[in-house]
Amino acid sequence: MRWSDGGRRFVAGFAAVVCLASILGCSSEGDPRAVAAVPDGVEVLTIAGQNHTDDEVDYPTTPPAGGDHLGIWHNCGLYTLELYDEAAVHSLEHGAVWITYRPDIGVAGIVALTELLTGGDKVLLSPYPGQEAAVVATAWARRLELEGTDDPRLLEFVEAFRDGEASPEPGVTCSGGIGEPPADPFAGLPPRP
């Protein structure tokens, strides 16, 4: 049986419609490669390096969003004391998201952040007195300044950038480093030479 040109076009068109419908009908739910929506206001930064160093690093942002860092990372978790910038940056390299807050957000704000972030993996939470915004969400080469703890963009940021494509080493562990949350961020840190 020979197909006419019209018959071939009909079959090809029908096949294209079926393929397109199946693609559009598929949901990304459950797909680990699905990308969460990026919240409004996220800054995209250019990071100059990612070498290991024992030196203190002068980062261009507060808190830092990438760059050279210690050879050891902070264990992820919710801390009540300030973290070591160079170790936190190494955690960011591994795909962690670092949420920092000014201590003047008060006990209610700190409790709200703790409740919001409890149970989340690859998350660091710590005070950062020198930052301008009340709350800052930071991932490798990404940051978002927030004026309060109730901004829905905070969790959107965590979902969008935890183990995100911008991280040089997404999927690498966020444990086995230094620190024991909540109050000992330097546990296991060897002395500087």
C-alpha atoms as a PDB file:
ATOM      1  CA  MET A   1       0.000   0.000   0.000  1.00  0.00           C
ATOM      2  CA  ARG A   2       1.350   3.406  -0.993  1.00  0.00           C
ATOM      3  CA  TRP A   3       0.632   6.481   1.040  1.00  0.00           C
ATOM      4  CA  SER A   4      -0.415   9.627  -0.690  1.00  0.00           C
ATOM      5  CA  ASP A   5       1.328  12.899   0.134  1.00  0.00           C
ATOM      6  CA  GLY A   6      -1.766  13.972   2.059  1.00  0.00           C
ATOM      7  CA  GLY A   7      -1.809  10.717   4.041  1.00  0.00           C
ATOM      8  CA  ARG A   8       1.877  11.070   4.987  1.00  0.00           C
ATOM      9  CA  ARG A   9       1.302  14.663   6.088  1.00  0.00           C
ATOM     10  CA  PHE A  10      -1.715  13.595   8.152  1.00  0.00           C
ATOM     11  CA  VAL A  11       0.224  10.807   9.922  1.00  0.00           C
ATOM     12  CA  ALA A  12       3.256  13.063  10.529  1.00  0.00           C
ATOM     13  CA  GLY A  13       1.031  15.846  11.875  1.00  0.00           C
ATOM     14  CA  PHE A  14      -0.918  13.448  14.069  1.00  0.00           C
ATOM     15  CA  ALA A  15       2.330  12.020  15.490  1.00  0.00           C
ATOM     16  CA  ALA A  16       3.625  15.526  16.195  1.00  0.00           C
ATOM     17  CA  VAL A  17       0.404  16.449  18.033  1.00  0.00           C
ATOM     18  CA  VAL A  18       0.555  13.267  20.140  1.00  0.00           C
ATOM     19  CA  CYS A  19       4.223  13.928  21.045  1.00  0.00           C
ATOM     20  CA  LEU A  20       3.542  17.563  21.926  1.00  0.00           C
ATOM     21  CA  ALA A  21       0.504  16.635  24.018  1.00  0.00           C
ATOM     22  CA  SER A  22       2.493  14.054  25.940  1.00  0.00           C
ATOM     23  CA  ILE A  23       5.300  16.529  26.599  1.00  0.00           C
ATOM     24  CA  LEU A  24       2.943  19.277  27.746  1.00  0.00           C
ATOM     25  CA  GLY A  25       0.852  16.867  29.769  1.00  0.00           C
ATOM     26  CA  CYS A  26       3.793  15.531  31.743  1.00  0.00           C
ATOM     27  CA  SER A  27       4.300  17.068  35.133  1.00  0.00           C
ATOM     28  CA  SER A  28       7.723  17.763  36.645  1.00  0.00           C
ATOM     29  CA  GLU A  29       6.460  16.687  40.089  1.00  0.00           C
ATOM     30  CA  GLY A  30       8.800  14.146  41.550  1.00  0.00           C
ATOM     31  CA  ASP A  31      11.471  14.919  38.969  1.00  0.00           C
ATOM     32  CA  PRO A  32      14.685  15.731  40.849  1.00  0.00           C
ATOM     33  CA  ARG A  33      15.803  17.865  37.931  1.00  0.00           C
ATOM     34  CA  ALA A  34      12.706  20.083  38.137  1.00  0.00           C
ATOM     35  CA  VAL A  35      13.699  23.676  38.760  1.00  0.00           C
ATOM     36  CA  ALA A  36      11.870  25.674  41.412  1.00  0.00           C
ATOM     37  CA  ALA A  37      10.767  29.187  40.571  1.00  0.00           C
ATOM     38  CA  VAL A  38      13.348  31.870  41.265  1.00  0.00           C
ATOM     39  CA  PRO A  39      11.857  34.495  43.576  1.00  0.00           C
ATOM     40  CA  ASP A  40      11.841  38.182  42.640  1.00  0.00           C
ATOM     41  CA  GLY A  41      14.784  40.246  43.829  1.00  0.00           C
ATOM     42  CA  VAL A  42      17.522  37.599  43.649  1.00  0.00           C
ATOM     43  CA  GLU A  43      20.945  39.063  42.891  1.00  0.00           C
ATOM     44  CA  VAL A  44      23.155  37.044  40.547  1.00  0.00           C
ATOM     45  CA  LEU A  45      26.832  37.572  41.343  1.00  0.00           C
ATOM     46  CA  THR A  46      30.061  36.843  39.525  1.00  0.00           C
ATOM     47  CA  ILE A  47      32.385  34.756  41.680  1.00  0.00           C
ATOM     48  CA  ALA A  48      36.091  35.196  40.971  1.00  0.00           C
ATOM     49  CA  GLY A  49      37.500  32.007  42.494  1.00  0.00           C
ATOM     50  CA  GLN A  50      36.851  28.915  44.521  1.00  0.00           C
ATOM     51  CA  ASN A  51      40.259  27.857  45.771  1.00  0.00           C
ATOM     52  CA  HIS A  52      41.015  26.460  49.204  1.00  0.00           C
ATOM     53  CA  THR A  53      42.978  28.815  51.426  1.00  0.00           C
ATOM     54  CA  ASP A  54      43.980  29.109  55.073  1.00  0.00           C
ATOM     55  CA  ASP A  55      43.987  32.903  54.770  1.00  0.00           C
ATOM     56  CA  GLU A  56      41.158  35.213  55.722  1.00  0.00           C
ATOM     57  CA  VAL A  57      39.281  36.306  52.614  1.00  0.00           C
ATOM     58  CA  ASP A  58      37.942  39.811  51.983  1.00  0.00           C
ATOM     59  CA  TYR A  59      34.583  39.054  50.374  1.00  0.00           C
ATOM     60  CA  PRO A  60      32.730  41.672  48.294  1.00  0.00           C
ATOM     61  CA  THR A  61      29.301  40.896  49.837  1.00  0.00           C
ATOM     62  CA  THR A  62      28.071  40.598  53.397  1.00  0.00           C
ATOM     63  CA  PRO A  63      27.528  37.741  54.001  1.00  0.00           C
ATOM     64  CA  PRO A  64      29.720  36.223  51.290  1.00  0.00           C
ATOM     65  CA  ALA A  65      28.137  34.339  48.391  1.00  0.00           C
ATOM     66  CA  GLY A  66      31.166  32.452  47.096  1.00  0.00           C
ATOM     67  CA  GLY A  67      34.864  32.736  46.413  1.00  0.00           C
ATOM     68  CA  ASP A  68      38.004  31.271  47.915  1.00  0.00           C
ATOM     69  CA  HIS A  69      37.356  29.441  51.169  1.00  0.00           C
ATOM     70  CA  LEU A  70      38.701  27.064  53.796  1.00  0.00           C
ATOM     71  CA  GLY A  71      39.382  23.457  52.897  1.00  0.00           C
ATOM     72  CA  ILE A  72      36.752  22.420  55.485  1.00  0.00           C
ATOM     73  CA  TRP A  73      33.059  23.354  55.520  1.00  0.00           C
ATOM     74  CA  HIS A  74      30.514  24.070  58.231  1.00  0.00           C
ATOM     75  CA  ASN A  75      28.170  21.206  58.983  1.00  0.00           C
ATOM     76  CA  CYS A  76      24.708  22.280  57.951  1.00  0.00           C
ATOM     77  CA  GLY A  77      22.240  23.094  60.682  1.00  0.00           C
ATOM     78  CA  LEU A  78      20.671  25.883  62.663  1.00  0.00           C
ATOM     79  CA  TYR A  79      23.253  27.806  64.692  1.00  0.00           C
ATOM     80  CA  THR A  80      22.770  30.427  67.405  1.00  0.00           C
ATOM     81  CA  LEU A  81      26.300  31.833  66.999  1.00  0.00           C
ATOM     82  CA  GLU A  82      28.096  33.436  64.053  1.00  0.00           C
ATOM     83  CA  LEU A  83      29.767  31.117  61.560  1.00  0.00           C
ATOM     84  CA  TYR A  84      33.210  31.369  60.053  1.00  0.00           C
ATOM     85  CA  ASP A  85      32.747  33.011  56.614  1.00  0.00           C
ATOM     86  CA  GLU A  86      35.382  30.917  54.858  1.00  0.00           C
ATOM     87  CA  ALA A  87      33.874  27.627  56.113  1.00  0.00           C
ATOM     88  CA  ALA A  88      30.307  28.721  55.310  1.00  0.00           C
ATOM     89  CA  VAL A  89      31.382  29.592  51.754  1.00  0.00           C
ATOM     90  CA  HIS A  90      32.710  26.039  51.392  1.00  0.00           C
ATOM     91  CA  SER A  91      29.240  24.797  52.452  1.00  0.00           C
ATOM     92  CA  LEU A  92      27.743  27.013  49.724  1.00  0.00           C
ATOM     93  CA  GLU A  93      30.112  25.384  47.227  1.00  0.00           C
ATOM     94  CA  HIS A  94      28.547  22.041  48.213  1.00  0.00           C
ATOM     95  CA  GLY A  95      25.062  23.350  47.419  1.00  0.00           C
ATOM     96  CA  ALA A  96      23.994  24.594  50.851  1.00  0.00           C
ATOM     97  CA  VAL A  97      21.827  27.670  51.362  1.00  0.00           C
ATOM     98  CA  TRP A  98      22.886  30.027  54.154  1.00  0.00           C
ATOM     99  CA  ILE A  99      20.202  32.090  55.882  1.00  0.00           C
ATOM    100  CA  THR A 100      21.604  34.867  58.054  1.00  0.00           C
ATOM    101  CA  TYR A 101      19.839  37.378  60.265  1.00  0.00           C
ATOM    102  CA  ARG A 102      20.643  40.503  62.217  1.00  0.00           C
ATOM    103  CA  PRO A 103      20.302  39.711  65.925  1.00  0.00           C
ATOM    104  CA  ASP A 104      18.041  42.752  66.336  1.00  0.00           C
ATOM    105  CA  ILE A 105      15.168  40.843  64.662  1.00  0.00           C
ATOM    106  CA  GLY A 106      14.504  39.692  68.228  1.00  0.00           C
ATOM    107  CA  VAL A 107      13.626  36.397  69.821  1.00  0.00           C
ATOM    108  CA  ALA A 108      10.314  36.104  67.950  1.00  0.00           C
ATOM    109  CA  GLY A 109      12.077  36.539  64.587  1.00  0.00           C
ATOM    110  CA  ILE A 110      14.789  34.019  65.457  1.00  0.00           C
ATOM    111  CA  VAL A 111      12.195  31.493  66.631  1.00  0.00           C
ATOM    112  CA  ALA A 112      10.185  32.035  63.422  1.00  0.00           C
ATOM    113  CA  LEU A 113      13.262  31.351  61.257  1.00  0.00           C
ATOM    114  CA  THR A 114      14.174  28.296  63.317  1.00  0.00           C
ATOM    115  CA  GLU A 115      10.671  26.844  63.015  1.00  0.00           C
ATOM    116  CA  LEU A 116      10.562  27.600  59.287  1.00  0.00           C
ATOM    117  CA  LEU A 117      13.910  25.948  58.557  1.00  0.00           C
ATOM    118  CA  THR A 118      13.882  23.025  61.006  1.00  0.00           C
ATOM    119  CA  GLY A 119      14.143  19.714  59.222  1.00  0.00           C
ATOM    120  CA  GLY A 120      15.457  21.184  55.979  1.00  0.00           C
ATOM    121  CA  ASP A 121      18.611  19.633  54.626  1.00  0.00           C
ATOM    122  CA  LYS A 122      21.550  21.580  53.177  1.00  0.00           C
ATOM    123  CA  VAL A 123      20.605  24.714  55.149  1.00  0.00           C
ATOM    124  CA  LEU A 124      22.734  26.863  57.433  1.00  0.00           C
ATOM    125  CA  LEU A 125      21.110  29.409  59.749  1.00  0.00           C
ATOM    126  CA  SER A 126      23.153  31.857  61.806  1.00  0.00           C
ATOM    127  CA  PRO A 127      23.254  35.423  63.087  1.00  0.00           C
ATOM    128  CA  TYR A 128      25.279  37.943  61.055  1.00  0.00           C
ATOM    129  CA  PRO A 129      25.409  41.294  62.887  1.00  0.00           C
ATOM    130  CA  GLY A 130      27.161  43.220  60.079  1.00  0.00           C
ATOM    131  CA  GLN A 131      24.574  42.735  57.350  1.00  0.00           C
ATOM    132  CA  GLU A 132      22.257  45.549  56.261  1.00  0.00           C
ATOM    133  CA  ALA A 133      19.024  43.607  55.677  1.00  0.00           C
ATOM    134  CA  ALA A 134      17.149  41.920  58.510  1.00  0.00           C
ATOM    135  CA  VAL A 135      17.440  38.526  56.775  1.00  0.00           C
ATOM    136  CA  VAL A 136      19.665  37.461  53.871  1.00  0.00           C
ATOM    137  CA  ALA A 137      19.338  34.209  51.923  1.00  0.00           C
ATOM    138  CA  THR A 138      22.600  33.214  50.237  1.00  0.00           C
ATOM    139  CA  ALA A 139      23.578  30.425  47.855  1.00  0.00           C
ATOM    140  CA  TRP A 140      26.659  30.204  45.636  1.00  0.00           C
ATOM    141  CA  ALA A 141      26.589  33.360  43.448  1.00  0.00           C
ATOM    142  CA  ARG A 142      23.008  34.142  44.520  1.00  0.00           C
ATOM    143  CA  ARG A 143      21.610  36.303  47.304  1.00  0.00           C
ATOM    144  CA  LEU A 144      18.308  37.769  48.376  1.00  0.00           C
ATOM    145  CA  GLU A 145      17.841  40.495  50.986  1.00  0.00           C
ATOM    146  CA  LEU A 146      14.619  40.333  52.988  1.00  0.00           C
ATOM    147  CA  GLU A 147      13.154  42.785  55.488  1.00  0.00           C
ATOM    148  CA  GLY A 148      11.510  40.169  57.679  1.00  0.00           C
ATOM    149  CA  THR A 149      11.112  36.532  58.541  1.00  0.00           C
ATOM    150  CA  ASP A 150       7.627  36.167  57.057  1.00  0.00           C
ATOM    151  CA  ASP A 151       8.568  36.863  53.427  1.00  0.00           C
ATOM    152  CA  PRO A 152       7.441  33.847  51.326  1.00  0.00           C
ATOM    153  CA  ARG A 153      10.422  34.375  49.022  1.00  0.00           C
ATOM    154  CA  LEU A 154      12.689  32.899  51.718  1.00  0.00           C
ATOM    155  CA  LEU A 155      11.465  29.326  51.246  1.00  0.00           C
ATOM    156  CA  GLU A 156      11.223  29.894  47.490  1.00  0.00           C
ATOM    157  CA  PHE A 157      14.929  30.820  47.534  1.00  0.00           C
ATOM    158  CA  VAL A 158      15.829  27.692  49.520  1.00  0.00           C
ATOM    159  CA  GLU A 159      13.902  25.472  47.090  1.00  0.00           C
ATOM    160  CA  ALA A 160      15.323  27.202  44.010  1.00  0.00           C
ATOM    161  CA  PHE A 161      18.999  27.158  45.006  1.00  0.00           C
ATOM    162  CA  ARG A 162      19.618  24.265  47.408  1.00  0.00           C
ATOM    163  CA  ASP A 163      21.919  21.938  45.428  1.00  0.00           C
ATOM    164  CA  GLY A 164      21.323  24.304  42.510  1.00  0.00           C
ATOM    165  CA  GLU A 165      23.132  24.492  39.199  1.00  0.00           C
ATOM    166  CA  ALA A 166      25.113  27.566  40.264  1.00  0.00           C
ATOM    167  CA  SER A 167      26.841  25.556  43.021  1.00  0.00           C
ATOM    168  CA  PRO A 168      30.218  24.257  41.862  1.00  0.00           C
ATOM    169  CA  GLU A 169      29.728  20.970  43.759  1.00  0.00           C
ATOM    170  CA  PRO A 170      25.985  20.337  44.194  1.00  0.00           C
ATOM    171  CA  GLY A 171      25.109  17.097  45.911  1.00  0.00           C
ATOM    172  CA  VAL A 172      28.307  16.955  47.968  1.00  0.00           C
ATOM    173  CA  THR A 173      27.847  16.379  51.697  1.00  0.00           C
ATOM    174  CA  CYS A 174      27.063  19.086  54.169  1.00  0.00           C
ATOM    175  CA  SER A 175      28.202  16.992  57.129  1.00  0.00           C
ATOM    176  CA  GLY A 176      31.589  15.716  58.251  1.00  0.00           C
ATOM    177  CA  GLY A 177      32.964  19.242  58.470  1.00  0.00           C
ATOM    178  CA  ILE A 178      33.191  21.559  61.454  1.00  0.00           C
ATOM    179  CA  GLY A 179      30.518  22.725  63.861  1.00  0.00           C
ATOM    180  CA  GLU A 180      27.844  21.220  66.048  1.00  0.00           C
ATOM    181  CA  PRO A 181      24.546  23.111  65.909  1.00  0.00           C
ATOM    182  CA  PRO A 182      23.178  25.037  67.636  1.00  0.00           C
ATOM    183  CA  ALA A 183      25.932  26.616  69.718  1.00  0.00           C
ATOM    184  CA  ASP A 184      29.355  25.315  68.654  1.00  0.00           C
ATOM    185  CA  PRO A 185      30.119  26.390  65.086  1.00  0.00           C
ATOM    186  CA  PHE A 186      33.858  25.800  65.521  1.00  0.00           C
ATOM    187  CA  ALA A 187      33.840  22.248  66.894  1.00  0.00           C
ATOM    188  CA  GLY A 188      36.490  20.284  65.046  1.00  0.00           C
ATOM    189  CA  LEU A 189      38.235  23.320  63.546  1.00  0.00           C
ATOM    190  CA  PRO A 190      41.997  22.776  63.593  1.00  0.00           C
ATOM    191  CA  PRO A 191      44.059  25.744  64.807  1.00  0.00           C
ATOM    192  CA  ARG A 192      45.326  28.135  62.138  1.00  0.00           C
ATOM    193  CA  PRO A 193      49.057  27.865  61.402  1.00  0.00           C
END
